[in-house]
Amino acid sequence: MPTKQTYNSMAEALRACIRNDATSFKQLGIQTGVTRQSLMKFARGEQGLQLTAADKVAAHYGVTVHVPVTRKERS
C-alpha cells in the first residue's frame, strides 16, 4: 500500500511527484497531454498549471485531494 503524504497545496504535491519521478518532461507530457514547457516551468515554480492540466498530472500520479470538513460545515 502506498504511503500517504500530506502537502499544503495541490501544487506542492504535484511538484513533489514530478521531482521524485524518473520520467522525462517530454514523456510526462506525452502521457498527460500537458506540454513539456508547461511542466518544466511548473516544476521550477515559475508558473502554475491550469486546473485541467493539474487534474491530468494528478490523475497520472494518483494524487487525490481531501478537504477537511469544518465544524461549521457539519451543522
N, C-alpha and C. Protein backbone atom coordinates (compact mmCIF):
# COMPACT_ATOMS: atom_id res chain seq x y z
N MET A 1 0.85 -1.19 0.00
CA MET A 1 0.00 0.00 0.00
C MET A 1 0.89 1.25 0.00
N PRO A 2 0.59 2.22 -0.88
CA PRO A 2 1.41 3.43 -0.95
C PRO A 2 1.33 4.24 0.34
N THR A 3 2.40 4.92 0.66
CA THR A 3 2.44 5.78 1.83
C THR A 3 1.70 7.07 1.53
N LYS A 4 0.85 7.49 2.46
CA LYS A 4 0.13 8.75 2.29
C LYS A 4 1.02 9.88 2.76
N GLN A 5 1.08 10.92 1.96
CA GLN A 5 1.86 12.10 2.28
C GLN A 5 0.91 13.28 2.29
N THR A 6 1.09 14.18 3.23
CA THR A 6 0.24 15.36 3.32
C THR A 6 1.04 16.58 2.85
N TYR A 7 0.40 17.39 2.01
CA TYR A 7 1.01 18.61 1.48
C TYR A 7 0.09 19.78 1.77
N ASN A 8 0.65 20.97 1.74
CA ASN A 8 -0.14 22.18 2.00
C ASN A 8 -0.94 22.63 0.80
N SER A 9 -0.57 22.16 -0.39
CA SER A 9 -1.30 22.55 -1.60
C SER A 9 -1.17 21.47 -2.66
N MET A 10 -2.07 21.50 -3.60
CA MET A 10 -2.01 20.57 -4.73
C MET A 10 -0.73 20.83 -5.52
N ALA A 11 -0.36 22.08 -5.71
CA ALA A 11 0.85 22.40 -6.46
C ALA A 11 2.07 21.78 -5.78
N GLU A 12 2.16 21.87 -4.48
CA GLU A 12 3.28 21.29 -3.73
C GLU A 12 3.32 19.77 -3.93
N ALA A 13 2.17 19.14 -3.89
CA ALA A 13 2.10 17.68 -4.08
C ALA A 13 2.52 17.28 -5.49
N LEU A 14 2.05 18.00 -6.48
CA LEU A 14 2.40 17.67 -7.86
C LEU A 14 3.87 17.92 -8.14
N ARG A 15 4.41 19.01 -7.60
CA ARG A 15 5.85 19.27 -7.78
C ARG A 15 6.69 18.15 -7.15
N ALA A 16 6.27 17.66 -6.00
CA ALA A 16 6.99 16.55 -5.35
C ALA A 16 6.93 15.29 -6.21
N CYS A 17 5.78 15.02 -6.78
CA CYS A 17 5.64 13.84 -7.66
C CYS A 17 6.57 13.95 -8.87
N ILE A 18 6.57 15.11 -9.48
CA ILE A 18 7.42 15.32 -10.67
C ILE A 18 8.89 15.20 -10.28
N ARG A 19 9.26 15.81 -9.16
CA ARG A 19 10.65 15.80 -8.71
C ARG A 19 11.13 14.38 -8.39
N ASN A 20 10.26 13.55 -7.84
CA ASN A 20 10.63 12.20 -7.42
C ASN A 20 10.48 11.15 -8.50
N ASP A 21 10.06 11.56 -9.69
CA ASP A 21 9.83 10.63 -10.79
C ASP A 21 11.00 10.69 -11.77
N ALA A 22 11.38 9.54 -12.27
CA ALA A 22 12.49 9.49 -13.24
C ALA A 22 12.02 9.75 -14.67
N THR A 23 10.72 9.92 -14.86
CA THR A 23 10.17 10.17 -16.19
C THR A 23 10.61 11.54 -16.69
N SER A 24 11.00 11.63 -17.95
CA SER A 24 11.40 12.91 -18.53
C SER A 24 10.17 13.80 -18.70
N PHE A 25 10.42 15.10 -18.79
CA PHE A 25 9.31 16.03 -19.02
C PHE A 25 8.64 15.73 -20.36
N LYS A 26 9.42 15.34 -21.34
CA LYS A 26 8.85 15.01 -22.65
C LYS A 26 7.89 13.83 -22.52
N GLN A 27 8.33 12.77 -21.84
CA GLN A 27 7.49 11.58 -21.69
C GLN A 27 6.27 11.88 -20.82
N LEU A 28 6.45 12.65 -19.76
CA LEU A 28 5.33 13.02 -18.89
C LEU A 28 4.31 13.83 -19.69
N GLY A 29 4.80 14.71 -20.54
CA GLY A 29 3.90 15.49 -21.39
C GLY A 29 3.10 14.61 -22.34
N ILE A 30 3.75 13.63 -22.92
CA ILE A 30 3.06 12.69 -23.82
C ILE A 30 2.00 11.91 -23.04
N GLN A 31 2.36 11.46 -21.85
CA GLN A 31 1.44 10.64 -21.05
C GLN A 31 0.26 11.42 -20.50
N THR A 32 0.44 12.71 -20.24
CA THR A 32 -0.62 13.51 -19.63
C THR A 32 -1.34 14.45 -20.59
N GLY A 33 -0.70 14.76 -21.71
CA GLY A 33 -1.28 15.73 -22.62
C GLY A 33 -0.99 17.17 -22.24
N VAL A 34 -0.09 17.37 -21.28
CA VAL A 34 0.32 18.71 -20.85
C VAL A 34 1.67 18.99 -21.50
N THR A 35 1.86 20.18 -22.03
CA THR A 35 3.09 20.46 -22.76
C THR A 35 4.32 20.35 -21.86
N ARG A 36 5.41 19.93 -22.46
CA ARG A 36 6.68 19.79 -21.76
C ARG A 36 7.10 21.13 -21.15
N GLN A 37 6.91 22.20 -21.91
CA GLN A 37 7.30 23.53 -21.42
C GLN A 37 6.50 23.91 -20.17
N SER A 38 5.21 23.64 -20.19
CA SER A 38 4.38 23.96 -19.02
C SER A 38 4.81 23.16 -17.81
N LEU A 39 5.10 21.88 -18.03
CA LEU A 39 5.54 21.03 -16.92
C LEU A 39 6.87 21.50 -16.34
N MET A 40 7.79 21.88 -17.21
CA MET A 40 9.11 22.34 -16.75
C MET A 40 8.99 23.64 -15.96
N LYS A 41 8.22 24.60 -16.47
CA LYS A 41 8.05 25.87 -15.77
C LYS A 41 7.33 25.66 -14.44
N PHE A 42 6.34 24.77 -14.42
CA PHE A 42 5.62 24.47 -13.19
C PHE A 42 6.56 23.84 -12.16
N ALA A 43 7.36 22.88 -12.59
CA ALA A 43 8.28 22.18 -11.67
C ALA A 43 9.30 23.14 -11.07
N ARG A 44 9.70 24.15 -11.83
CA ARG A 44 10.66 25.16 -11.33
C ARG A 44 9.98 26.25 -10.50
N GLY A 45 8.66 26.23 -10.42
CA GLY A 45 7.94 27.24 -9.66
C GLY A 45 7.77 28.55 -10.39
N GLU A 46 7.99 28.55 -11.71
CA GLU A 46 7.89 29.78 -12.49
C GLU A 46 6.46 30.10 -12.90
N GLN A 47 5.60 29.10 -12.93
CA GLN A 47 4.19 29.33 -13.29
C GLN A 47 3.34 28.23 -12.68
N GLY A 48 2.06 28.49 -12.62
CA GLY A 48 1.12 27.48 -12.16
C GLY A 48 0.64 26.65 -13.33
N LEU A 49 -0.22 25.70 -13.03
CA LEU A 49 -0.87 24.91 -14.07
C LEU A 49 -2.34 25.26 -14.08
N GLN A 50 -2.92 25.29 -15.26
CA GLN A 50 -4.36 25.46 -15.32
C GLN A 50 -5.00 24.24 -14.67
N LEU A 51 -6.20 24.40 -14.16
CA LEU A 51 -6.87 23.34 -13.43
C LEU A 51 -6.97 22.05 -14.23
N THR A 52 -7.29 22.15 -15.51
CA THR A 52 -7.42 20.94 -16.33
C THR A 52 -6.07 20.23 -16.46
N ALA A 53 -4.99 20.98 -16.59
CA ALA A 53 -3.65 20.39 -16.66
C ALA A 53 -3.27 19.76 -15.33
N ALA A 54 -3.56 20.45 -14.24
CA ALA A 54 -3.26 19.91 -12.91
C ALA A 54 -4.04 18.62 -12.67
N ASP A 55 -5.29 18.58 -13.11
CA ASP A 55 -6.09 17.36 -12.97
C ASP A 55 -5.46 16.19 -13.72
N LYS A 56 -4.93 16.46 -14.90
CA LYS A 56 -4.30 15.40 -15.70
C LYS A 56 -3.04 14.87 -15.03
N VAL A 57 -2.23 15.78 -14.51
CA VAL A 57 -1.00 15.38 -13.83
C VAL A 57 -1.33 14.63 -12.53
N ALA A 58 -2.31 15.14 -11.80
CA ALA A 58 -2.73 14.47 -10.56
C ALA A 58 -3.24 13.06 -10.84
N ALA A 59 -4.03 12.91 -11.88
CA ALA A 59 -4.54 11.58 -12.24
C ALA A 59 -3.40 10.65 -12.63
N HIS A 60 -2.41 11.17 -13.33
CA HIS A 60 -1.26 10.37 -13.74
C HIS A 60 -0.53 9.79 -12.53
N TYR A 61 -0.37 10.60 -11.49
CA TYR A 61 0.35 10.18 -10.29
C TYR A 61 -0.56 9.58 -9.22
N GLY A 62 -1.86 9.60 -9.43
CA GLY A 62 -2.78 9.07 -8.43
C GLY A 62 -2.94 9.97 -7.23
N VAL A 63 -2.74 11.26 -7.42
CA VAL A 63 -2.86 12.23 -6.34
C VAL A 63 -4.32 12.60 -6.17
N THR A 64 -4.80 12.57 -4.93
CA THR A 64 -6.17 12.96 -4.64
C THR A 64 -6.16 14.08 -3.60
N VAL A 65 -7.24 14.83 -3.58
CA VAL A 65 -7.39 15.94 -2.65
C VAL A 65 -8.44 15.56 -1.61
N HIS A 66 -8.10 15.74 -0.35
CA HIS A 66 -9.04 15.51 0.73
C HIS A 66 -9.20 16.82 1.48
N VAL A 67 -10.40 17.35 1.45
CA VAL A 67 -10.67 18.62 2.11
C VAL A 67 -11.31 18.32 3.46
N PRO A 68 -10.68 18.77 4.55
CA PRO A 68 -11.26 18.52 5.86
C PRO A 68 -12.57 19.27 6.04
N VAL A 69 -13.50 18.64 6.72
CA VAL A 69 -14.80 19.26 7.00
C VAL A 69 -14.69 20.03 8.30
N THR A 70 -15.10 21.29 8.26
CA THR A 70 -15.05 22.11 9.48
C THR A 70 -16.31 21.89 10.30
N ARG A 71 -16.28 22.29 11.54
CA ARG A 71 -17.45 22.15 12.41
C ARG A 71 -18.65 22.89 11.85
N LYS A 72 -18.41 24.08 11.30
CA LYS A 72 -19.50 24.89 10.76
C LYS A 72 -20.19 24.18 9.61
N GLU A 73 -19.42 23.48 8.76
CA GLU A 73 -19.99 22.77 7.62
C GLU A 73 -20.81 21.56 8.05
N ARG A 74 -20.49 20.98 9.21
CA ARG A 74 -21.21 19.78 9.70
C ARG A 74 -22.60 20.15 10.23
N SER A 75 -22.77 21.38 10.68
CA SER A 75 -24.05 21.79 11.30
C SER A 75 -25.14 21.98 10.29
